[in-house]
Each structure stands twice: as structure tokens, then as C-alpha cells.
Amino acid sequence: MSARAKAVGKEVVSTDLAPAALGPYSQAIKIDGVLYVSGCLGIFPESMKFAGDSVEEQTDQLMKNMGEILKAAGADYSNVEKQQCYFKKDPPARSCLAVKDLPLDGADYSNVVKTTVLLADIGDFKVMNGIYAEYFKKDPPARSCFAVKDLPLGAKVEVECIAKL
């Protein structure tokens, strides 16, 4: 990190539990208690392969990736009653577990204040929205959603966020 970046308090946030950046950018930047998370894709960090071909599978995985970045940045765990749904092997069968029943290793999505969603097909909006809502059950963040011509690696969905830590 440059001396100038250190002087202004800019901190690069990185974790091996989320996919590595695909280019010359950081997974996230933290400055003055605000976290800027780069666009997340629905790929597994260990293989860099998509979680599946469906927008449901990709949205769920990208939200998990985003959660790992939030956690690496120090998102707190004050909202332990929040529900998170995880896909079983064959969607749409899902089971929901309370975070209080799991080890406290998930991020607190309540820190997120703004997201931007990019869809390769706006026809996937309703499906993406259903998965997205499982991660933001109470007081969801402000959000923009756009259909774009193409996404990196042929992804169906990408989400970036800003969180207050």
C-alpha cells in the first residue's frame, strides 16, 4: 500500500474465503468506517467456477462471498437472530437455519447501506430478488438494479455494496 493510502487511512480488505479479484482491483476498501465492496460473482473461491448455471445459485453464492468480505472487514455480529437460507445441492429445495444455531462465522448484512445489482437478463429480476431478500430480511439497504449487456466470465448476476462498519 502506498504511503498516501496509509496517510488517508485507506485499508485493503482481502480474504481467501471469497474469490480473488479478476483484475487490478481489491475485493474491498475500508476507509473512515465505510467499506466499499467490489462487485461479487457467484463463483466458488477455491475453484473459481460458478456455483451453477441458474441465477438462483449464482446469487446465493455471491451473497456468501460478499458475506466473507464483510466479515474480513470486521462486520459485527449484533443481529444473531437474523435468518439466512442456504441452498441444498439441488435448488429450489432450501433449508433455513437461524444464525444463533450456527457458529458465528457469517457476516452481519445489516451493516450494508447500499447495493448495486447488475443482471445479464432483467427477466431474472424476480428470481434474484427472492434470494437477495433472504440476506436482507429487516431494513434492507438502498439499491440500484440494472440490466447490462455482459458480465465478467459470463455471469448472470453481480452485486457490489457499501457498508458502514
N, C-alpha and C. Protein backbone atom coordinates (compact mmCIF):
# COMPACT_ATOMS: atom_id res chain seq x y z
N MET A 1 0.85 -1.17 0.00
CA MET A 1 0.00 0.00 0.00
C MET A 1 0.89 1.23 0.00
N SER A 2 0.51 2.26 -0.73
CA SER A 2 1.32 3.47 -0.83
C SER A 2 1.27 4.28 0.46
N ALA A 3 2.27 5.13 0.63
CA ALA A 3 2.31 6.00 1.81
C ALA A 3 1.10 6.92 1.83
N ARG A 4 0.67 7.37 0.68
CA ARG A 4 -0.50 8.26 0.58
C ARG A 4 -1.76 7.52 1.04
N ALA A 5 -1.93 6.27 0.62
CA ALA A 5 -3.09 5.48 1.03
C ALA A 5 -3.10 5.30 2.54
N LYS A 6 -1.92 5.02 3.12
CA LYS A 6 -1.83 4.87 4.57
C LYS A 6 -2.16 6.18 5.27
N ALA A 7 -1.70 7.29 4.71
CA ALA A 7 -1.93 8.60 5.33
C ALA A 7 -3.41 8.95 5.40
N VAL A 8 -4.18 8.55 4.41
CA VAL A 8 -5.61 8.87 4.43
C VAL A 8 -6.43 7.79 5.12
N GLY A 9 -5.77 6.73 5.59
CA GLY A 9 -6.47 5.68 6.33
C GLY A 9 -7.12 4.63 5.45
N LYS A 10 -6.70 4.52 4.22
CA LYS A 10 -7.26 3.53 3.28
C LYS A 10 -6.68 2.16 3.61
N GLU A 11 -7.57 1.19 3.77
CA GLU A 11 -7.15 -0.18 4.09
C GLU A 11 -7.73 -1.15 3.07
N VAL A 12 -6.87 -1.97 2.48
CA VAL A 12 -7.33 -3.00 1.55
C VAL A 12 -7.84 -4.18 2.37
N VAL A 13 -9.03 -4.66 2.04
CA VAL A 13 -9.62 -5.83 2.70
C VAL A 13 -9.57 -6.99 1.72
N SER A 14 -9.03 -8.11 2.18
CA SER A 14 -8.89 -9.27 1.32
C SER A 14 -9.06 -10.53 2.15
N THR A 15 -9.70 -11.53 1.57
CA THR A 15 -9.86 -12.82 2.22
C THR A 15 -9.78 -13.94 1.19
N ASP A 16 -9.19 -15.04 1.57
CA ASP A 16 -9.15 -16.23 0.71
C ASP A 16 -10.49 -16.96 0.69
N LEU A 17 -11.42 -16.54 1.56
CA LEU A 17 -12.73 -17.19 1.64
C LEU A 17 -13.73 -16.63 0.62
N ALA A 18 -13.28 -15.66 -0.18
CA ALA A 18 -14.06 -15.12 -1.29
C ALA A 18 -13.14 -15.16 -2.52
N PRO A 19 -13.73 -15.20 -3.72
CA PRO A 19 -12.89 -15.27 -4.92
C PRO A 19 -11.93 -14.08 -5.02
N ALA A 20 -10.74 -14.36 -5.50
CA ALA A 20 -9.75 -13.31 -5.72
C ALA A 20 -10.25 -12.36 -6.80
N ALA A 21 -9.76 -11.14 -6.75
CA ALA A 21 -10.10 -10.16 -7.77
C ALA A 21 -9.65 -10.68 -9.15
N LEU A 22 -10.45 -10.39 -10.16
CA LEU A 22 -10.16 -10.86 -11.51
C LEU A 22 -9.29 -9.89 -12.30
N GLY A 23 -8.89 -8.79 -11.66
CA GLY A 23 -8.09 -7.78 -12.34
C GLY A 23 -7.40 -6.90 -11.32
N PRO A 24 -6.97 -5.72 -11.76
CA PRO A 24 -6.25 -4.81 -10.87
C PRO A 24 -7.19 -3.99 -9.98
N TYR A 25 -7.83 -4.68 -9.05
CA TYR A 25 -8.70 -4.03 -8.06
C TYR A 25 -8.70 -4.88 -6.80
N SER A 26 -9.22 -4.32 -5.72
CA SER A 26 -9.27 -5.01 -4.44
C SER A 26 -10.66 -5.60 -4.22
N GLN A 27 -10.73 -6.66 -3.39
CA GLN A 27 -12.04 -7.20 -3.02
C GLN A 27 -12.86 -6.11 -2.34
N ALA A 28 -12.19 -5.32 -1.49
CA ALA A 28 -12.87 -4.23 -0.81
C ALA A 28 -11.84 -3.23 -0.29
N ILE A 29 -12.32 -2.02 -0.04
CA ILE A 29 -11.53 -0.96 0.56
C ILE A 29 -12.30 -0.41 1.74
N LYS A 30 -11.59 -0.28 2.88
CA LYS A 30 -12.18 0.30 4.08
C LYS A 30 -11.51 1.64 4.34
N ILE A 31 -12.34 2.66 4.56
CA ILE A 31 -11.82 3.98 4.89
C ILE A 31 -12.85 4.72 5.74
N ASP A 32 -12.40 5.27 6.84
CA ASP A 32 -13.25 6.05 7.74
C ASP A 32 -14.52 5.30 8.15
N GLY A 33 -14.40 4.00 8.44
CA GLY A 33 -15.53 3.22 8.91
C GLY A 33 -16.54 2.85 7.84
N VAL A 34 -16.18 3.05 6.58
CA VAL A 34 -17.05 2.69 5.46
C VAL A 34 -16.32 1.65 4.62
N LEU A 35 -17.03 0.61 4.23
CA LEU A 35 -16.47 -0.46 3.41
C LEU A 35 -17.08 -0.41 2.02
N TYR A 36 -16.24 -0.40 1.01
CA TYR A 36 -16.66 -0.42 -0.39
C TYR A 36 -16.29 -1.78 -0.95
N VAL A 37 -17.28 -2.63 -1.18
CA VAL A 37 -17.04 -3.99 -1.68
C VAL A 37 -17.20 -4.01 -3.19
N SER A 38 -16.18 -4.50 -3.87
CA SER A 38 -16.23 -4.62 -5.33
C SER A 38 -17.32 -5.61 -5.73
N GLY A 39 -17.71 -5.57 -6.99
CA GLY A 39 -18.71 -6.48 -7.49
C GLY A 39 -18.35 -7.93 -7.22
N CYS A 40 -19.30 -8.67 -6.67
CA CYS A 40 -19.10 -10.10 -6.35
C CYS A 40 -19.85 -10.95 -7.36
N LEU A 41 -19.22 -12.04 -7.74
CA LEU A 41 -19.84 -13.02 -8.64
C LEU A 41 -20.14 -14.29 -7.87
N GLY A 42 -21.01 -15.11 -8.43
CA GLY A 42 -21.41 -16.37 -7.79
C GLY A 42 -20.47 -17.51 -8.11
N ILE A 43 -19.18 -17.31 -7.84
CA ILE A 43 -18.19 -18.35 -8.08
C ILE A 43 -17.60 -18.83 -6.76
N PHE A 44 -17.18 -20.08 -6.75
CA PHE A 44 -16.54 -20.63 -5.57
C PHE A 44 -15.10 -20.13 -5.50
N PRO A 45 -14.65 -19.67 -4.33
CA PRO A 45 -13.29 -19.13 -4.23
C PRO A 45 -12.20 -20.17 -4.51
N GLU A 46 -12.44 -21.41 -4.15
CA GLU A 46 -11.38 -22.41 -4.30
C GLU A 46 -11.20 -22.87 -5.75
N SER A 47 -12.26 -22.86 -6.54
CA SER A 47 -12.17 -23.35 -7.92
C SER A 47 -12.33 -22.26 -8.97
N MET A 48 -12.87 -21.11 -8.56
CA MET A 48 -13.20 -20.00 -9.46
C MET A 48 -14.20 -20.44 -10.53
N LYS A 49 -15.02 -21.46 -10.20
CA LYS A 49 -16.09 -21.92 -11.08
C LYS A 49 -17.43 -21.45 -10.51
N PHE A 50 -18.39 -21.21 -11.41
CA PHE A 50 -19.71 -20.78 -10.98
C PHE A 50 -20.39 -21.83 -10.11
N ALA A 51 -21.19 -21.36 -9.16
CA ALA A 51 -21.95 -22.24 -8.27
C ALA A 51 -22.97 -23.04 -9.06
N GLY A 52 -23.33 -22.59 -10.22
CA GLY A 52 -24.29 -23.26 -11.09
C GLY A 52 -24.64 -22.35 -12.24
N ASP A 53 -25.52 -22.83 -13.10
CA ASP A 53 -25.92 -22.05 -14.26
C ASP A 53 -27.10 -21.13 -13.98
N SER A 54 -27.81 -21.35 -12.88
CA SER A 54 -29.01 -20.56 -12.61
C SER A 54 -28.69 -19.27 -11.87
N VAL A 55 -29.53 -18.27 -12.06
CA VAL A 55 -29.37 -17.02 -11.34
C VAL A 55 -29.55 -17.23 -9.83
N GLU A 56 -30.38 -18.21 -9.44
CA GLU A 56 -30.55 -18.52 -8.01
C GLU A 56 -29.23 -18.97 -7.39
N GLU A 57 -28.60 -19.93 -8.01
CA GLU A 57 -27.34 -20.47 -7.48
C GLU A 57 -26.25 -19.40 -7.45
N GLN A 58 -26.17 -18.61 -8.51
CA GLN A 58 -25.15 -17.58 -8.58
C GLN A 58 -25.41 -16.47 -7.56
N THR A 59 -26.67 -16.07 -7.39
CA THR A 59 -26.99 -15.02 -6.41
C THR A 59 -26.67 -15.49 -5.00
N ASP A 60 -27.06 -16.71 -4.67
CA ASP A 60 -26.80 -17.23 -3.33
C ASP A 60 -25.29 -17.27 -3.06
N GLN A 61 -24.50 -17.76 -4.01
CA GLN A 61 -23.05 -17.86 -3.80
C GLN A 61 -22.40 -16.48 -3.72
N LEU A 62 -22.83 -15.55 -4.55
CA LEU A 62 -22.21 -14.24 -4.50
C LEU A 62 -22.52 -13.54 -3.18
N MET A 63 -23.72 -13.78 -2.62
CA MET A 63 -24.05 -13.20 -1.32
C MET A 63 -23.18 -13.83 -0.23
N LYS A 64 -22.89 -15.11 -0.33
CA LYS A 64 -21.98 -15.75 0.63
C LYS A 64 -20.57 -15.17 0.49
N ASN A 65 -20.13 -14.95 -0.76
CA ASN A 65 -18.83 -14.34 -0.99
C ASN A 65 -18.77 -12.94 -0.39
N MET A 66 -19.82 -12.17 -0.62
CA MET A 66 -19.89 -10.82 -0.06
C MET A 66 -19.85 -10.88 1.47
N GLY A 67 -20.53 -11.86 2.05
CA GLY A 67 -20.53 -12.03 3.50
C GLY A 67 -19.14 -12.29 4.04
N GLU A 68 -18.34 -13.07 3.33
CA GLU A 68 -16.96 -13.34 3.77
C GLU A 68 -16.12 -12.07 3.73
N ILE A 69 -16.35 -11.23 2.74
CA ILE A 69 -15.62 -9.97 2.66
C ILE A 69 -16.07 -9.04 3.77
N LEU A 70 -17.37 -8.96 4.03
CA LEU A 70 -17.88 -8.15 5.15
C LEU A 70 -17.26 -8.61 6.47
N LYS A 71 -17.21 -9.92 6.65
CA LYS A 71 -16.64 -10.48 7.87
C LYS A 71 -15.16 -10.13 7.99
N ALA A 72 -14.42 -10.25 6.89
CA ALA A 72 -12.99 -9.94 6.91
C ALA A 72 -12.74 -8.47 7.25
N ALA A 73 -13.72 -7.63 6.93
CA ALA A 73 -13.59 -6.20 7.20
C ALA A 73 -14.00 -5.83 8.62
N GLY A 74 -14.58 -6.80 9.35
CA GLY A 74 -14.96 -6.54 10.73
C GLY A 74 -16.43 -6.27 10.96
N ALA A 75 -17.29 -6.71 10.06
CA ALA A 75 -18.72 -6.56 10.30
C ALA A 75 -19.06 -7.25 11.61
N ASP A 76 -19.90 -6.63 12.41
CA ASP A 76 -20.18 -7.20 13.73
C ASP A 76 -21.29 -8.24 13.67
N TYR A 77 -21.53 -8.89 14.79
CA TYR A 77 -22.49 -9.98 14.86
C TYR A 77 -23.62 -9.66 15.82
N SER A 78 -24.04 -8.39 15.86
CA SER A 78 -25.05 -7.98 16.82
C SER A 78 -26.43 -8.55 16.51
N ASN A 79 -26.69 -8.89 15.27
CA ASN A 79 -28.03 -9.34 14.86
C ASN A 79 -28.05 -10.86 14.71
N VAL A 80 -27.84 -11.59 15.80
CA VAL A 80 -27.68 -13.03 15.71
C VAL A 80 -28.98 -13.79 15.48
N GLU A 81 -30.12 -13.12 15.57
CA GLU A 81 -31.39 -13.79 15.32
C GLU A 81 -31.76 -13.79 13.84
N LYS A 82 -31.01 -13.09 13.03
CA LYS A 82 -31.31 -12.99 11.61
C LYS A 82 -31.29 -14.36 10.96
N GLN A 83 -32.19 -14.58 10.04
CA GLN A 83 -32.26 -15.85 9.31
C GLN A 83 -31.45 -15.76 8.03
N GLN A 84 -30.78 -16.82 7.68
CA GLN A 84 -30.13 -16.94 6.39
C GLN A 84 -30.54 -18.28 5.80
N CYS A 85 -30.80 -18.30 4.53
CA CYS A 85 -31.16 -19.54 3.86
C CYS A 85 -30.00 -19.98 2.99
N TYR A 86 -29.73 -21.27 3.04
CA TYR A 86 -28.66 -21.83 2.23
C TYR A 86 -29.24 -22.89 1.31
N PHE A 87 -28.81 -22.88 0.04
CA PHE A 87 -29.28 -23.88 -0.89
C PHE A 87 -28.72 -25.24 -0.52
N LYS A 88 -29.56 -26.24 -0.67
CA LYS A 88 -29.05 -27.61 -0.66
C LYS A 88 -28.46 -27.87 -2.04
N LYS A 89 -28.08 -29.07 -2.31
CA LYS A 89 -27.41 -29.35 -3.57
C LYS A 89 -28.29 -29.05 -4.78
N ASP A 90 -29.57 -29.35 -4.72
CA ASP A 90 -30.45 -29.17 -5.86
C ASP A 90 -31.52 -28.13 -5.57
N PRO A 91 -31.30 -26.84 -5.91
CA PRO A 91 -32.34 -25.84 -5.71
C PRO A 91 -33.59 -26.26 -6.48
N PRO A 92 -34.80 -25.87 -6.11
CA PRO A 92 -35.08 -24.84 -5.13
C PRO A 92 -35.27 -25.35 -3.70
N ALA A 93 -35.02 -26.63 -3.43
CA ALA A 93 -35.15 -27.13 -2.06
C ALA A 93 -34.17 -26.38 -1.18
N ARG A 94 -34.68 -25.73 -0.13
CA ARG A 94 -33.81 -24.95 0.74
C ARG A 94 -34.16 -25.24 2.18
N SER A 95 -33.20 -25.06 3.05
CA SER A 95 -33.47 -25.14 4.47
C SER A 95 -32.96 -23.86 5.11
N CYS A 96 -33.69 -23.33 6.07
CA CYS A 96 -33.28 -22.10 6.75
C CYS A 96 -32.82 -22.44 8.15
N LEU A 97 -31.72 -21.84 8.55
CA LEU A 97 -31.18 -22.02 9.89
C LEU A 97 -30.98 -20.66 10.51
N ALA A 98 -31.29 -20.52 11.78
CA ALA A 98 -31.00 -19.28 12.47
C ALA A 98 -29.51 -19.19 12.69
N VAL A 99 -28.96 -18.00 12.51
CA VAL A 99 -27.53 -17.82 12.73
C VAL A 99 -27.16 -18.20 14.16
N LYS A 100 -28.07 -17.99 15.13
CA LYS A 100 -27.76 -18.35 16.51
C LYS A 100 -27.53 -19.85 16.67
N ASP A 101 -28.03 -20.66 15.72
CA ASP A 101 -27.85 -22.10 15.76
C ASP A 101 -26.57 -22.53 15.07
N LEU A 102 -25.89 -21.60 14.45
CA LEU A 102 -24.65 -21.89 13.73
C LEU A 102 -23.48 -21.22 14.45
N PRO A 103 -22.27 -21.66 14.21
CA PRO A 103 -21.13 -20.91 14.72
C PRO A 103 -21.21 -19.49 14.16
N LEU A 104 -20.80 -18.51 14.92
CA LEU A 104 -20.89 -17.12 14.46
C LEU A 104 -19.79 -16.84 13.45
N ASP A 105 -19.97 -17.40 12.26
CA ASP A 105 -18.97 -17.19 11.22
C ASP A 105 -19.55 -16.50 10.00
N GLY A 106 -20.80 -16.07 10.07
CA GLY A 106 -21.40 -15.35 8.96
C GLY A 106 -21.31 -13.86 9.21
N ALA A 107 -21.37 -13.08 8.16
CA ALA A 107 -21.31 -11.63 8.29
C ALA A 107 -22.68 -11.08 8.65
N ASP A 108 -22.67 -9.90 9.21
CA ASP A 108 -23.93 -9.23 9.54
C ASP A 108 -24.28 -8.31 8.38
N TYR A 109 -25.21 -8.74 7.55
CA TYR A 109 -25.59 -7.97 6.38
C TYR A 109 -26.31 -6.67 6.75
N SER A 110 -26.66 -6.49 8.02
CA SER A 110 -27.33 -5.24 8.43
C SER A 110 -26.37 -4.06 8.35
N ASN A 111 -25.07 -4.29 8.21
CA ASN A 111 -24.11 -3.20 8.02
C ASN A 111 -24.21 -2.58 6.63
N VAL A 112 -24.79 -3.30 5.68
CA VAL A 112 -24.84 -2.84 4.29
C VAL A 112 -25.88 -1.73 4.15
N VAL A 113 -25.43 -0.60 3.56
CA VAL A 113 -26.33 0.55 3.39
C VAL A 113 -26.73 0.78 1.94
N LYS A 114 -25.97 0.22 0.98
CA LYS A 114 -26.28 0.42 -0.43
C LYS A 114 -25.73 -0.74 -1.24
N THR A 115 -26.52 -1.23 -2.17
CA THR A 115 -26.05 -2.24 -3.12
C THR A 115 -26.36 -1.79 -4.54
N THR A 116 -25.60 -2.33 -5.45
CA THR A 116 -25.88 -2.18 -6.87
C THR A 116 -25.89 -3.59 -7.46
N VAL A 117 -27.00 -3.93 -8.11
CA VAL A 117 -27.17 -5.25 -8.71
C VAL A 117 -27.10 -5.11 -10.22
N LEU A 118 -26.31 -5.96 -10.83
CA LEU A 118 -26.20 -6.00 -12.29
C LEU A 118 -26.68 -7.36 -12.76
N LEU A 119 -27.64 -7.36 -13.67
CA LEU A 119 -28.21 -8.60 -14.21
C LEU A 119 -27.92 -8.70 -15.70
N ALA A 120 -27.55 -9.89 -16.14
CA ALA A 120 -27.36 -10.12 -17.57
C ALA A 120 -28.71 -10.15 -18.29
N ASP A 121 -29.79 -10.47 -17.56
CA ASP A 121 -31.13 -10.55 -18.13
C ASP A 121 -32.11 -10.00 -17.10
N ILE A 122 -32.76 -8.89 -17.39
CA ILE A 122 -33.69 -8.27 -16.44
C ILE A 122 -34.86 -9.20 -16.13
N GLY A 123 -35.07 -10.19 -16.98
CA GLY A 123 -36.10 -11.19 -16.72
C GLY A 123 -35.80 -12.02 -15.49
N ASP A 124 -34.55 -11.99 -15.01
CA ASP A 124 -34.16 -12.72 -13.80
C ASP A 124 -34.38 -11.90 -12.53
N PHE A 125 -34.93 -10.69 -12.66
CA PHE A 125 -35.08 -9.79 -11.51
C PHE A 125 -35.85 -10.44 -10.36
N LYS A 126 -37.00 -11.02 -10.66
CA LYS A 126 -37.84 -11.59 -9.60
C LYS A 126 -37.13 -12.73 -8.87
N VAL A 127 -36.48 -13.59 -9.61
CA VAL A 127 -35.77 -14.73 -9.01
C VAL A 127 -34.61 -14.23 -8.15
N MET A 128 -33.80 -13.31 -8.71
CA MET A 128 -32.68 -12.74 -7.95
C MET A 128 -33.20 -12.07 -6.69
N ASN A 129 -34.29 -11.32 -6.82
CA ASN A 129 -34.85 -10.58 -5.69
C ASN A 129 -35.26 -11.52 -4.55
N GLY A 130 -35.76 -12.69 -4.88
CA GLY A 130 -36.16 -13.66 -3.85
C GLY A 130 -34.98 -14.13 -3.02
N ILE A 131 -33.85 -14.42 -3.66
CA ILE A 131 -32.65 -14.85 -2.94
C ILE A 131 -32.06 -13.67 -2.18
N TYR A 132 -31.96 -12.54 -2.82
CA TYR A 132 -31.41 -11.32 -2.22
C TYR A 132 -32.15 -10.99 -0.92
N ALA A 133 -33.48 -11.10 -0.95
CA ALA A 133 -34.30 -10.77 0.23
C ALA A 133 -33.99 -11.67 1.42
N GLU A 134 -33.50 -12.87 1.18
CA GLU A 134 -33.17 -13.77 2.29
C GLU A 134 -31.98 -13.25 3.09
N TYR A 135 -31.15 -12.44 2.48
CA TYR A 135 -29.98 -11.89 3.16
C TYR A 135 -30.25 -10.53 3.79
N PHE A 136 -31.29 -9.87 3.35
CA PHE A 136 -31.65 -8.55 3.88
C PHE A 136 -33.11 -8.58 4.34
N LYS A 137 -33.37 -9.31 5.43
CA LYS A 137 -34.74 -9.50 5.91
C LYS A 137 -35.33 -8.27 6.59
N LYS A 138 -34.49 -7.50 7.28
CA LYS A 138 -35.00 -6.35 8.03
C LYS A 138 -34.23 -5.11 7.60
N ASP A 139 -34.93 -4.04 7.35
CA ASP A 139 -34.31 -2.77 6.96
C ASP A 139 -33.30 -2.96 5.83
N PRO A 140 -33.76 -3.42 4.66
CA PRO A 140 -32.84 -3.66 3.55
C PRO A 140 -32.15 -2.35 3.12
N PRO A 141 -30.98 -2.49 2.50
CA PRO A 141 -30.25 -1.30 2.07
C PRO A 141 -30.89 -0.64 0.86
N ALA A 142 -30.47 0.58 0.59
CA ALA A 142 -30.84 1.22 -0.67
C ALA A 142 -30.23 0.38 -1.79
N ARG A 143 -30.88 0.39 -2.96
CA ARG A 143 -30.39 -0.48 -4.03
C ARG A 143 -30.70 0.10 -5.39
N SER A 144 -29.78 -0.12 -6.30
CA SER A 144 -29.99 0.13 -7.72
C SER A 144 -29.87 -1.21 -8.42
N CYS A 145 -30.62 -1.39 -9.50
CA CYS A 145 -30.55 -2.64 -10.26
C CYS A 145 -30.58 -2.30 -11.74
N PHE A 146 -29.63 -2.86 -12.48
CA PHE A 146 -29.52 -2.58 -13.90
C PHE A 146 -29.36 -3.87 -14.68
N ALA A 147 -29.93 -3.88 -15.88
CA ALA A 147 -29.64 -4.95 -16.84
C ALA A 147 -28.47 -4.46 -17.68
N VAL A 148 -27.50 -5.33 -17.87
CA VAL A 148 -26.31 -4.97 -18.65
C VAL A 148 -26.12 -5.98 -19.77
N LYS A 149 -25.37 -5.59 -20.77
CA LYS A 149 -25.16 -6.47 -21.92
C LYS A 149 -24.40 -7.74 -21.54
N ASP A 150 -23.31 -7.59 -20.81
CA ASP A 150 -22.48 -8.73 -20.43
C ASP A 150 -21.89 -8.49 -19.05
N LEU A 151 -21.59 -9.58 -18.35
CA LEU A 151 -20.91 -9.53 -17.06
C LEU A 151 -19.63 -10.37 -17.15
N PRO A 152 -18.67 -10.12 -16.26
CA PRO A 152 -17.42 -10.88 -16.31
C PRO A 152 -17.65 -12.39 -16.26
N LEU A 153 -16.87 -13.11 -17.02
CA LEU A 153 -16.89 -14.57 -17.09
C LEU A 153 -18.23 -15.15 -17.54
N GLY A 154 -19.12 -14.31 -18.05
CA GLY A 154 -20.44 -14.78 -18.46
C GLY A 154 -21.40 -14.96 -17.30
N ALA A 155 -21.15 -14.28 -16.20
CA ALA A 155 -22.03 -14.37 -15.03
C ALA A 155 -23.44 -13.89 -15.36
N LYS A 156 -24.40 -14.37 -14.59
CA LYS A 156 -25.79 -13.95 -14.74
C LYS A 156 -26.13 -12.77 -13.83
N VAL A 157 -25.33 -12.59 -12.75
CA VAL A 157 -25.61 -11.54 -11.78
C VAL A 157 -24.31 -11.14 -11.09
N GLU A 158 -24.22 -9.86 -10.74
CA GLU A 158 -23.09 -9.33 -9.97
C GLU A 158 -23.66 -8.30 -9.00
N VAL A 159 -23.14 -8.27 -7.77
CA VAL A 159 -23.60 -7.32 -6.77
C VAL A 159 -22.39 -6.70 -6.08
N GLU A 160 -22.41 -5.39 -5.93
CA GLU A 160 -21.42 -4.67 -5.14
C GLU A 160 -22.16 -4.00 -4.00
N CYS A 161 -21.41 -3.62 -2.94
CA CYS A 161 -22.10 -2.97 -1.84
C CYS A 161 -21.20 -1.97 -1.12
N ILE A 162 -21.86 -1.12 -0.34
CA ILE A 162 -21.22 -0.20 0.57
C ILE A 162 -21.79 -0.51 1.94
N ALA A 163 -20.91 -0.66 2.94
CA ALA A 163 -21.35 -0.98 4.29
C ALA A 163 -20.72 -0.02 5.29
N LYS A 164 -21.46 0.32 6.32
CA LYS A 164 -20.95 1.14 7.43
C LYS A 164 -20.52 0.19 8.53
N LEU A 165 -19.26 0.28 8.93
CA LEU A 165 -18.73 -0.61 9.95
C LEU A 165 -18.66 0.08 11.30
